[in-house]
């Protein structure tokens, strides 16, 4: 009986937090108000995470009894291994699988990137949105309003525990990422017989960078790319399009 009461209390606290923070526009608005008055405000995702932390729910798991009386373990909203991404459009936490902590670096990078598919600039063409601000936060010296494909790649890599840069500081341009890859032995120039691995970065000259999601049987490359047509997009690329790859394994 005591365990059931504890579970009910935990669920109730989660629902209370969800109701208080369910409206992302309200959270975003509070950040804008702080900026207008010269204050600072954490992204909405941080507010949600802070509230969970105050309730002591970041990495707990609750055993929930099913109809047959057997306990089923369900993951909570947080993960000690991979930071979750907040979907500002849906107003829901896109929690990454806790089991990813034991998976490969490439799989973790892909999972982080997948959690953000569909995030869009607000307004389109502005290089801005609350989610994009979150991506920038993982790159030292990031510039608001700048092209953000490299910021997105840096964010996904950091979420996977594989930060980009000699000091793990993140990198804000494609050229910087390629130079870092060359200096660390991660750069793979594209050519005959070159096949990337899931989680590798895919580089298009000095103009654009994305993340390899998978390689199809016909050689086409599935990607997830930030700042592709003003959003985080799932894409399919010809194997000849890339100028090179960055090995993140």
C-alpha atoms as a PDB file:
ATOM      1  CA  UNK A   1       0.000   0.000   0.000  1.00  0.00           C
ATOM      2  CA  UNK A   2       2.839   2.378   0.860  1.00  0.00           C
ATOM      3  CA  UNK A   3       4.458   1.747  -2.547  1.00  0.00           C
ATOM      4  CA  UNK A   4       1.164   2.465  -4.320  1.00  0.00           C
ATOM      5  CA  UNK A   5       0.780   5.750  -2.456  1.00  0.00           C
ATOM      6  CA  UNK A   6       4.331   6.757  -3.382  1.00  0.00           C
ATOM      7  CA  UNK A   7       3.708   5.983  -7.052  1.00  0.00           C
ATOM      8  CA  UNK A   8       0.436   7.924  -7.019  1.00  0.00           C
ATOM      9  CA  UNK A   9       2.175  10.853  -5.362  1.00  0.00           C
ATOM     10  CA  UNK A  10       4.978  10.787  -7.961  1.00  0.00           C
ATOM     11  CA  UNK A  11       2.515  10.679 -10.857  1.00  0.00           C
ATOM     12  CA  UNK A  12       0.540  13.499  -9.312  1.00  0.00           C
ATOM     13  CA  UNK A  13       3.638  15.675  -9.019  1.00  0.00           C
ATOM     14  CA  UNK A  14       4.579  14.999 -12.624  1.00  0.00           C
ATOM     15  CA  UNK A  15       1.098  15.951 -13.828  1.00  0.00           C
ATOM     16  CA  UNK A  16       1.162  19.090 -11.683  1.00  0.00           C
ATOM     17  CA  UNK A  17       4.475  20.132 -13.231  1.00  0.00           C
ATOM     18  CA  UNK A  18       3.148  19.390 -16.740  1.00  0.00           C
ATOM     19  CA  UNK A  19       0.087  21.581 -16.129  1.00  0.00           C
ATOM     20  CA  UNK A  20       2.198  24.436 -14.805  1.00  0.00           C
ATOM     21  CA  UNK A  21       4.615  24.338 -17.714  1.00  0.00           C
ATOM     22  CA  UNK A  22       2.434  22.950 -20.502  1.00  0.00           C
ATOM     23  CA  UNK A  23       2.201  26.209 -22.421  1.00  0.00           C
ATOM     24  CA  UNK A  24       5.578  26.781 -24.147  1.00  0.00           C
ATOM     25  CA  UNK A  25       4.411  30.184 -25.380  1.00  0.00           C
ATOM     26  CA  UNK A  26       4.030  31.311 -21.773  1.00  0.00           C
ATOM     27  CA  UNK A  27       7.536  30.118 -20.944  1.00  0.00           C
ATOM     28  CA  UNK A  28       8.999  31.730 -24.044  1.00  0.00           C
ATOM     29  CA  UNK A  29       7.117  34.912 -23.237  1.00  0.00           C
ATOM     30  CA  UNK A  30       8.661  35.025 -19.782  1.00  0.00           C
ATOM     31  CA  UNK A  31      12.099  34.787 -21.374  1.00  0.00           C
ATOM     32  CA  UNK A  32      11.293  37.657 -23.723  1.00  0.00           C
ATOM     33  CA  UNK A  33      10.061  39.757 -20.833  1.00  0.00           C
ATOM     34  CA  UNK A  34      13.295  39.159 -18.954  1.00  0.00           C
ATOM     35  CA  UNK A  35      15.306  40.174 -21.999  1.00  0.00           C
ATOM     36  CA  UNK A  36      13.260  43.352 -22.364  1.00  0.00           C
ATOM     37  CA  UNK A  37      14.131  44.356 -18.825  1.00  0.00           C
ATOM     38  CA  UNK A  38      17.806  43.537 -19.203  1.00  0.00           C
ATOM     39  CA  UNK A  39      17.554  40.276 -17.255  1.00  0.00           C
ATOM     40  CA  UNK A  40      18.514  36.784 -18.313  1.00  0.00           C
ATOM     41  CA  UNK A  41      16.228  33.835 -18.683  1.00  0.00           C
ATOM     42  CA  UNK A  42      17.058  30.162 -19.246  1.00  0.00           C
ATOM     43  CA  UNK A  43      15.448  28.396 -22.229  1.00  0.00           C
ATOM     44  CA  UNK A  44      12.045  26.859 -21.599  1.00  0.00           C
ATOM     45  CA  UNK A  45      13.595  23.391 -21.537  1.00  0.00           C
ATOM     46  CA  UNK A  46      15.786  24.451 -18.621  1.00  0.00           C
ATOM     47  CA  UNK A  47      12.734  25.712 -16.710  1.00  0.00           C
ATOM     48  CA  UNK A  48      11.042  22.372 -17.182  1.00  0.00           C
ATOM     49  CA  UNK A  49      14.169  20.488 -16.120  1.00  0.00           C
ATOM     50  CA  UNK A  50      14.585  22.750 -13.074  1.00  0.00           C
ATOM     51  CA  UNK A  51      11.037  22.033 -11.988  1.00  0.00           C
ATOM     52  CA  UNK A  52      11.616  18.302 -12.320  1.00  0.00           C
ATOM     53  CA  UNK A  53      14.815  18.619 -10.340  1.00  0.00           C
ATOM     54  CA  UNK A  54      12.979  20.401  -7.533  1.00  0.00           C
ATOM     55  CA  UNK A  55      10.525  17.527  -7.397  1.00  0.00           C
ATOM     56  CA  UNK A  56      13.400  15.041  -7.297  1.00  0.00           C
ATOM     57  CA  UNK A  57      12.272  13.268 -10.458  1.00  0.00           C
ATOM     58  CA  UNK A  58      15.186  13.710 -12.880  1.00  0.00           C
ATOM     59  CA  UNK A  59      16.413  10.125 -12.973  1.00  0.00           C
ATOM     60  CA  UNK A  60      13.971   8.126 -10.839  1.00  0.00           C
ATOM     61  CA  UNK A  61      12.102   5.092 -12.106  1.00  0.00           C
ATOM     62  CA  UNK A  62       8.683   4.016 -10.856  1.00  0.00           C
ATOM     63  CA  UNK A  63       7.474   0.415 -10.721  1.00  0.00           C
ATOM     64  CA  UNK A  64       3.850   0.393 -11.891  1.00  0.00           C
ATOM     65  CA  UNK A  65       1.772  -2.718 -11.284  1.00  0.00           C
ATOM     66  CA  UNK A  66      -0.132  -3.965 -14.319  1.00  0.00           C
ATOM     67  CA  UNK A  67      -3.492  -5.728 -14.331  1.00  0.00           C
ATOM     68  CA  UNK A  68      -1.784  -9.082 -13.739  1.00  0.00           C
ATOM     69  CA  UNK A  69      -0.033  -7.816 -10.636  1.00  0.00           C
ATOM     70  CA  UNK A  70       3.453  -7.775 -12.216  1.00  0.00           C
ATOM     71  CA  UNK A  71       5.603  -4.670 -11.845  1.00  0.00           C
ATOM     72  CA  UNK A  72       6.521  -2.870 -15.052  1.00  0.00           C
ATOM     73  CA  UNK A  73       9.437  -0.445 -14.925  1.00  0.00           C
ATOM     74  CA  UNK A  74       8.817   2.726 -16.899  1.00  0.00           C
ATOM     75  CA  UNK A  75      11.478   5.331 -17.678  1.00  0.00           C
ATOM     76  CA  UNK A  76      10.911   8.789 -16.241  1.00  0.00           C
ATOM     77  CA  UNK A  77      11.159  12.056 -18.122  1.00  0.00           C
ATOM     78  CA  UNK A  78      14.874  12.563 -17.563  1.00  0.00           C
ATOM     79  CA  UNK A  79      17.947  10.523 -18.515  1.00  0.00           C
ATOM     80  CA  UNK A  80      21.279  10.556 -16.744  1.00  0.00           C
ATOM     81  CA  UNK A  81      23.038   9.564 -19.954  1.00  0.00           C
ATOM     82  CA  UNK A  82      21.548  11.764 -22.685  1.00  0.00           C
ATOM     83  CA  UNK A  83      19.904  15.122 -22.129  1.00  0.00           C
ATOM     84  CA  UNK A  84      16.331  15.237 -23.466  1.00  0.00           C
ATOM     85  CA  UNK A  85      15.283  17.793 -26.056  1.00  0.00           C
ATOM     86  CA  UNK A  86      12.225  19.944 -25.538  1.00  0.00           C
ATOM     87  CA  UNK A  87       9.799  20.093 -28.459  1.00  0.00           C
ATOM     88  CA  UNK A  88       8.604  23.710 -28.378  1.00  0.00           C
ATOM     89  CA  UNK A  89       6.037  23.154 -31.103  1.00  0.00           C
ATOM     90  CA  UNK A  90       4.272  20.292 -29.360  1.00  0.00           C
ATOM     91  CA  UNK A  91       4.920  21.480 -25.825  1.00  0.00           C
ATOM     92  CA  UNK A  92       6.153  18.050 -24.753  1.00  0.00           C
ATOM     93  CA  UNK A  93       9.425  16.610 -23.569  1.00  0.00           C
ATOM     94  CA  UNK A  94      11.028  14.355 -26.167  1.00  0.00           C
ATOM     95  CA  UNK A  95      12.868  12.035 -23.757  1.00  0.00           C
ATOM     96  CA  UNK A  96      15.682   9.994 -25.263  1.00  0.00           C
ATOM     97  CA  UNK A  97      15.909   6.334 -24.328  1.00  0.00           C
ATOM     98  CA  UNK A  98      17.781   5.765 -21.036  1.00  0.00           C
ATOM     99  CA  UNK A  99      19.232   2.616 -22.639  1.00  0.00           C
ATOM    100  CA  UNK A 100      21.259   4.762 -25.021  1.00  0.00           C
ATOM    101  CA  UNK A 101      23.888   5.247 -22.313  1.00  0.00           C
ATOM    102  CA  UNK A 102      25.434   1.897 -23.252  1.00  0.00           C
ATOM    103  CA  UNK A 103      25.083   2.311 -27.028  1.00  0.00           C
ATOM    104  CA  UNK A 104      27.692   3.532 -29.500  1.00  0.00           C
ATOM    105  CA  UNK A 105      28.554   7.239 -29.834  1.00  0.00           C
ATOM    106  CA  UNK A 106      27.058   7.235 -33.332  1.00  0.00           C
ATOM    107  CA  UNK A 107      23.758   5.794 -32.126  1.00  0.00           C
ATOM    108  CA  UNK A 108      23.552   8.408 -29.377  1.00  0.00           C
ATOM    109  CA  UNK A 109      24.242  11.253 -31.803  1.00  0.00           C
ATOM    110  CA  UNK A 110      21.533   9.980 -34.171  1.00  0.00           C
ATOM    111  CA  UNK A 111      19.055   9.647 -31.303  1.00  0.00           C
ATOM    112  CA  UNK A 112      19.701  13.212 -30.163  1.00  0.00           C
ATOM    113  CA  UNK A 113      19.279  14.529 -33.708  1.00  0.00           C
ATOM    114  CA  UNK A 114      16.115  12.481 -34.313  1.00  0.00           C
ATOM    115  CA  UNK A 115      14.520  14.011 -31.226  1.00  0.00           C
ATOM    116  CA  UNK A 116      14.602  17.420 -32.937  1.00  0.00           C
ATOM    117  CA  UNK A 117      13.280  16.588 -36.415  1.00  0.00           C
ATOM    118  CA  UNK A 118      10.648  19.159 -37.378  1.00  0.00           C
ATOM    119  CA  UNK A 119      11.959  22.052 -35.283  1.00  0.00           C
ATOM    120  CA  UNK A 120      11.573  25.181 -37.412  1.00  0.00           C
ATOM    121  CA  UNK A 121      12.854  28.723 -37.477  1.00  0.00           C
ATOM    122  CA  UNK A 122      10.438  31.247 -35.972  1.00  0.00           C
ATOM    123  CA  UNK A 123       9.847  33.090 -38.244  1.00  0.00           C
ATOM    124  CA  UNK A 124      11.217  31.178 -41.257  1.00  0.00           C
ATOM    125  CA  UNK A 125      14.445  32.681 -42.562  1.00  0.00           C
ATOM    126  CA  UNK A 126      15.377  34.258 -39.227  1.00  0.00           C
ATOM    127  CA  UNK A 127      17.859  31.617 -38.028  1.00  0.00           C
ATOM    128  CA  UNK A 128      16.048  31.925 -34.704  1.00  0.00           C
ATOM    129  CA  UNK A 129      13.693  29.988 -32.422  1.00  0.00           C
ATOM    130  CA  UNK A 130      13.816  28.807 -28.807  1.00  0.00           C
ATOM    131  CA  UNK A 131      15.139  25.434 -29.993  1.00  0.00           C
ATOM    132  CA  UNK A 132      17.875  27.060 -32.089  1.00  0.00           C
ATOM    133  CA  UNK A 133      18.887  29.136 -29.070  1.00  0.00           C
ATOM    134  CA  UNK A 134      19.232  25.841 -27.204  1.00  0.00           C
ATOM    135  CA  UNK A 135      21.509  24.441 -29.942  1.00  0.00           C
ATOM    136  CA  UNK A 136      23.678  27.579 -29.804  1.00  0.00           C
ATOM    137  CA  UNK A 137      24.077  27.220 -26.056  1.00  0.00           C
ATOM    138  CA  UNK A 138      26.399  24.251 -26.599  1.00  0.00           C
ATOM    139  CA  UNK A 139      28.880  26.272 -28.697  1.00  0.00           C
ATOM    140  CA  UNK A 140      31.229  28.780 -27.107  1.00  0.00           C
ATOM    141  CA  UNK A 141      31.030  32.209 -28.712  1.00  0.00           C
ATOM    142  CA  UNK A 142      27.870  31.387 -30.678  1.00  0.00           C
ATOM    143  CA  UNK A 143      26.322  34.305 -32.560  1.00  0.00           C
ATOM    144  CA  UNK A 144      22.511  34.780 -32.471  1.00  0.00           C
ATOM    145  CA  UNK A 145      20.968  34.932 -35.931  1.00  0.00           C
ATOM    146  CA  UNK A 146      23.886  33.147 -37.614  1.00  0.00           C
ATOM    147  CA  UNK A 147      23.475  30.031 -39.794  1.00  0.00           C
ATOM    148  CA  UNK A 148      23.015  27.179 -37.373  1.00  0.00           C
ATOM    149  CA  UNK A 149      23.793  23.820 -39.041  1.00  0.00           C
ATOM    150  CA  UNK A 150      27.122  23.594 -37.174  1.00  0.00           C
ATOM    151  CA  UNK A 151      25.468  24.648 -33.905  1.00  0.00           C
ATOM    152  CA  UNK A 152      22.972  21.817 -34.332  1.00  0.00           C
ATOM    153  CA  UNK A 153      25.721  19.268 -35.025  1.00  0.00           C
ATOM    154  CA  UNK A 154      27.656  20.516 -31.987  1.00  0.00           C
ATOM    155  CA  UNK A 155      24.532  20.262 -29.821  1.00  0.00           C
ATOM    156  CA  UNK A 156      23.740  16.695 -30.912  1.00  0.00           C
ATOM    157  CA  UNK A 157      27.332  15.596 -30.360  1.00  0.00           C
ATOM    158  CA  UNK A 158      27.387  17.085 -26.862  1.00  0.00           C
ATOM    159  CA  UNK A 159      24.094  15.411 -25.955  1.00  0.00           C
ATOM    160  CA  UNK A 160      25.714  12.107 -26.932  1.00  0.00           C
ATOM    161  CA  UNK A 161      28.774  12.741 -24.769  1.00  0.00           C
ATOM    162  CA  UNK A 162      31.020  13.306 -27.808  1.00  0.00           C
ATOM    163  CA  UNK A 163      31.571  17.086 -27.848  1.00  0.00           C
ATOM    164  CA  UNK A 164      33.108  18.746 -30.889  1.00  0.00           C
ATOM    165  CA  UNK A 165      36.228  20.904 -30.639  1.00  0.00           C
ATOM    166  CA  UNK A 166      39.689  20.511 -29.130  1.00  0.00           C
ATOM    167  CA  UNK A 167      38.285  21.555 -25.753  1.00  0.00           C
ATOM    168  CA  UNK A 168      34.773  20.211 -26.327  1.00  0.00           C
ATOM    169  CA  UNK A 169      33.559  23.770 -26.770  1.00  0.00           C
ATOM    170  CA  UNK A 170      31.447  23.161 -29.888  1.00  0.00           C
ATOM    171  CA  UNK A 171      32.159  24.777 -33.249  1.00  0.00           C
ATOM    172  CA  UNK A 172      30.029  27.285 -35.101  1.00  0.00           C
ATOM    173  CA  UNK A 173      31.172  26.903 -38.703  1.00  0.00           C
ATOM    174  CA  UNK A 174      31.644  24.064 -41.166  1.00  0.00           C
ATOM    175  CA  UNK A 175      35.240  25.107 -41.832  1.00  0.00           C
ATOM    176  CA  UNK A 176      36.076  24.929 -38.127  1.00  0.00           C
ATOM    177  CA  UNK A 177      34.524  21.476 -37.845  1.00  0.00           C
ATOM    178  CA  UNK A 178      36.536  20.177 -40.815  1.00  0.00           C
ATOM    179  CA  UNK A 179      39.782  21.687 -39.498  1.00  0.00           C
ATOM    180  CA  UNK A 180      39.161  20.070 -36.108  1.00  0.00           C
ATOM    181  CA  UNK A 181      38.433  16.739 -37.815  1.00  0.00           C
ATOM    182  CA  UNK A 182      41.679  16.946 -39.783  1.00  0.00           C
ATOM    183  CA  UNK A 183      43.738  17.791 -36.690  1.00  0.00           C
ATOM    184  CA  UNK A 184      42.279  14.870 -34.734  1.00  0.00           C
ATOM    185  CA  UNK A 185      42.370  12.235 -37.462  1.00  0.00           C
ATOM    186  CA  UNK A 186      38.591  12.176 -37.860  1.00  0.00           C
ATOM    187  CA  UNK A 187      38.366  13.685 -41.362  1.00  0.00           C
ATOM    188  CA  UNK A 188      37.404  11.292 -44.169  1.00  0.00           C
ATOM    189  CA  UNK A 189      37.481  12.878 -47.642  1.00  0.00           C
ATOM    190  CA  UNK A 190      34.719  11.458 -49.827  1.00  0.00           C
ATOM    191  CA  UNK A 191      35.672   9.187 -52.700  1.00  0.00           C
ATOM    192  CA  UNK A 192      35.145   5.738 -54.233  1.00  0.00           C
ATOM    193  CA  UNK A 193      34.523   3.105 -51.602  1.00  0.00           C
ATOM    194  CA  UNK A 194      33.948   5.575 -48.763  1.00  0.00           C
ATOM    195  CA  UNK A 195      30.914   4.641 -46.674  1.00  0.00           C
ATOM    196  CA  UNK A 196      30.034   6.672 -43.575  1.00  0.00           C
ATOM    197  CA  UNK A 197      28.668   5.283 -40.316  1.00  0.00           C
ATOM    198  CA  UNK A 198      25.515   6.401 -38.487  1.00  0.00           C
ATOM    199  CA  UNK A 199      26.384   9.391 -36.321  1.00  0.00           C
ATOM    200  CA  UNK A 200      29.214  10.600 -38.542  1.00  0.00           C
ATOM    201  CA  UNK A 201      28.989  14.216 -39.649  1.00  0.00           C
ATOM    202  CA  UNK A 202      28.427  14.740 -43.366  1.00  0.00           C
ATOM    203  CA  UNK A 203      30.166  17.811 -44.785  1.00  0.00           C
ATOM    204  CA  UNK A 204      29.289  19.751 -47.926  1.00  0.00           C
ATOM    205  CA  UNK A 205      32.307  21.971 -48.638  1.00  0.00           C
ATOM    206  CA  UNK A 206      32.412  24.962 -46.307  1.00  0.00           C
ATOM    207  CA  UNK A 207      28.684  25.566 -46.668  1.00  0.00           C
ATOM    208  CA  UNK A 208      26.769  22.937 -44.739  1.00  0.00           C
ATOM    209  CA  UNK A 209      27.060  20.045 -42.289  1.00  0.00           C
ATOM    210  CA  UNK A 210      24.582  17.386 -41.210  1.00  0.00           C
ATOM    211  CA  UNK A 211      24.470  14.050 -39.415  1.00  0.00           C
ATOM    212  CA  UNK A 212      24.453  10.636 -41.082  1.00  0.00           C
ATOM    213  CA  UNK A 213      21.365   8.745 -39.959  1.00  0.00           C
ATOM    214  CA  UNK A 214      21.892   5.579 -42.008  1.00  0.00           C
ATOM    215  CA  UNK A 215      23.178   4.266 -45.325  1.00  0.00           C
ATOM    216  CA  UNK A 216      20.554   2.630 -47.523  1.00  0.00           C
ATOM    217  CA  UNK A 217      21.218  -0.593 -49.482  1.00  0.00           C
ATOM    218  CA  UNK A 218      21.421   1.419 -52.733  1.00  0.00           C
ATOM    219  CA  UNK A 219      24.141   3.651 -51.275  1.00  0.00           C
ATOM    220  CA  UNK A 220      21.924   6.661 -50.675  1.00  0.00           C
ATOM    221  CA  UNK A 221      22.605   8.367 -47.360  1.00  0.00           C
ATOM    222  CA  UNK A 222      19.853   9.226 -44.913  1.00  0.00           C
ATOM    223  CA  UNK A 223      20.690  12.366 -42.979  1.00  0.00           C
ATOM    224  CA  UNK A 224      19.364  14.687 -40.293  1.00  0.00           C
ATOM    225  CA  UNK A 225      20.342  18.294 -40.993  1.00  0.00           C
ATOM    226  CA  UNK A 226      19.882  21.455 -39.022  1.00  0.00           C
ATOM    227  CA  UNK A 227      19.153  24.606 -41.030  1.00  0.00           C
ATOM    228  CA  UNK A 228      17.948  22.655 -44.059  1.00  0.00           C
ATOM    229  CA  UNK A 229      15.068  24.663 -45.551  1.00  0.00           C
ATOM    230  CA  UNK A 230      14.751  26.582 -42.254  1.00  0.00           C
ATOM    231  CA  UNK A 231      14.270  23.513 -40.072  1.00  0.00           C
ATOM    232  CA  UNK A 232      15.753  20.320 -38.668  1.00  0.00           C
ATOM    233  CA  UNK A 233      15.005  17.954 -41.533  1.00  0.00           C
ATOM    234  CA  UNK A 234      15.325  14.273 -42.353  1.00  0.00           C
ATOM    235  CA  UNK A 235      16.832  14.050 -45.806  1.00  0.00           C
ATOM    236  CA  UNK A 236      18.268  11.594 -48.348  1.00  0.00           C
ATOM    237  CA  UNK A 237      21.518  12.462 -50.095  1.00  0.00           C
ATOM    238  CA  UNK A 238      23.375  10.990 -53.039  1.00  0.00           C
ATOM    239  CA  UNK A 239      26.732   9.497 -51.971  1.00  0.00           C
ATOM    240  CA  UNK A 240      28.471  11.885 -54.374  1.00  0.00           C
ATOM    241  CA  UNK A 241      27.090  15.074 -52.782  1.00  0.00           C
ATOM    242  CA  UNK A 242      29.315  15.117 -49.716  1.00  0.00           C
ATOM    243  CA  UNK A 243      32.863  16.399 -49.811  1.00  0.00           C
ATOM    244  CA  UNK A 244      33.727  14.426 -46.705  1.00  0.00           C
ATOM    245  CA  UNK A 245      32.720  12.939 -43.380  1.00  0.00           C
ATOM    246  CA  UNK A 246      33.780  13.354 -39.766  1.00  0.00           C
ATOM    247  CA  UNK A 247      34.150  10.086 -37.886  1.00  0.00           C
ATOM    248  CA  UNK A 248      32.382  10.427 -34.522  1.00  0.00           C
ATOM    249  CA  UNK A 249      32.657   6.767 -33.466  1.00  0.00           C
END
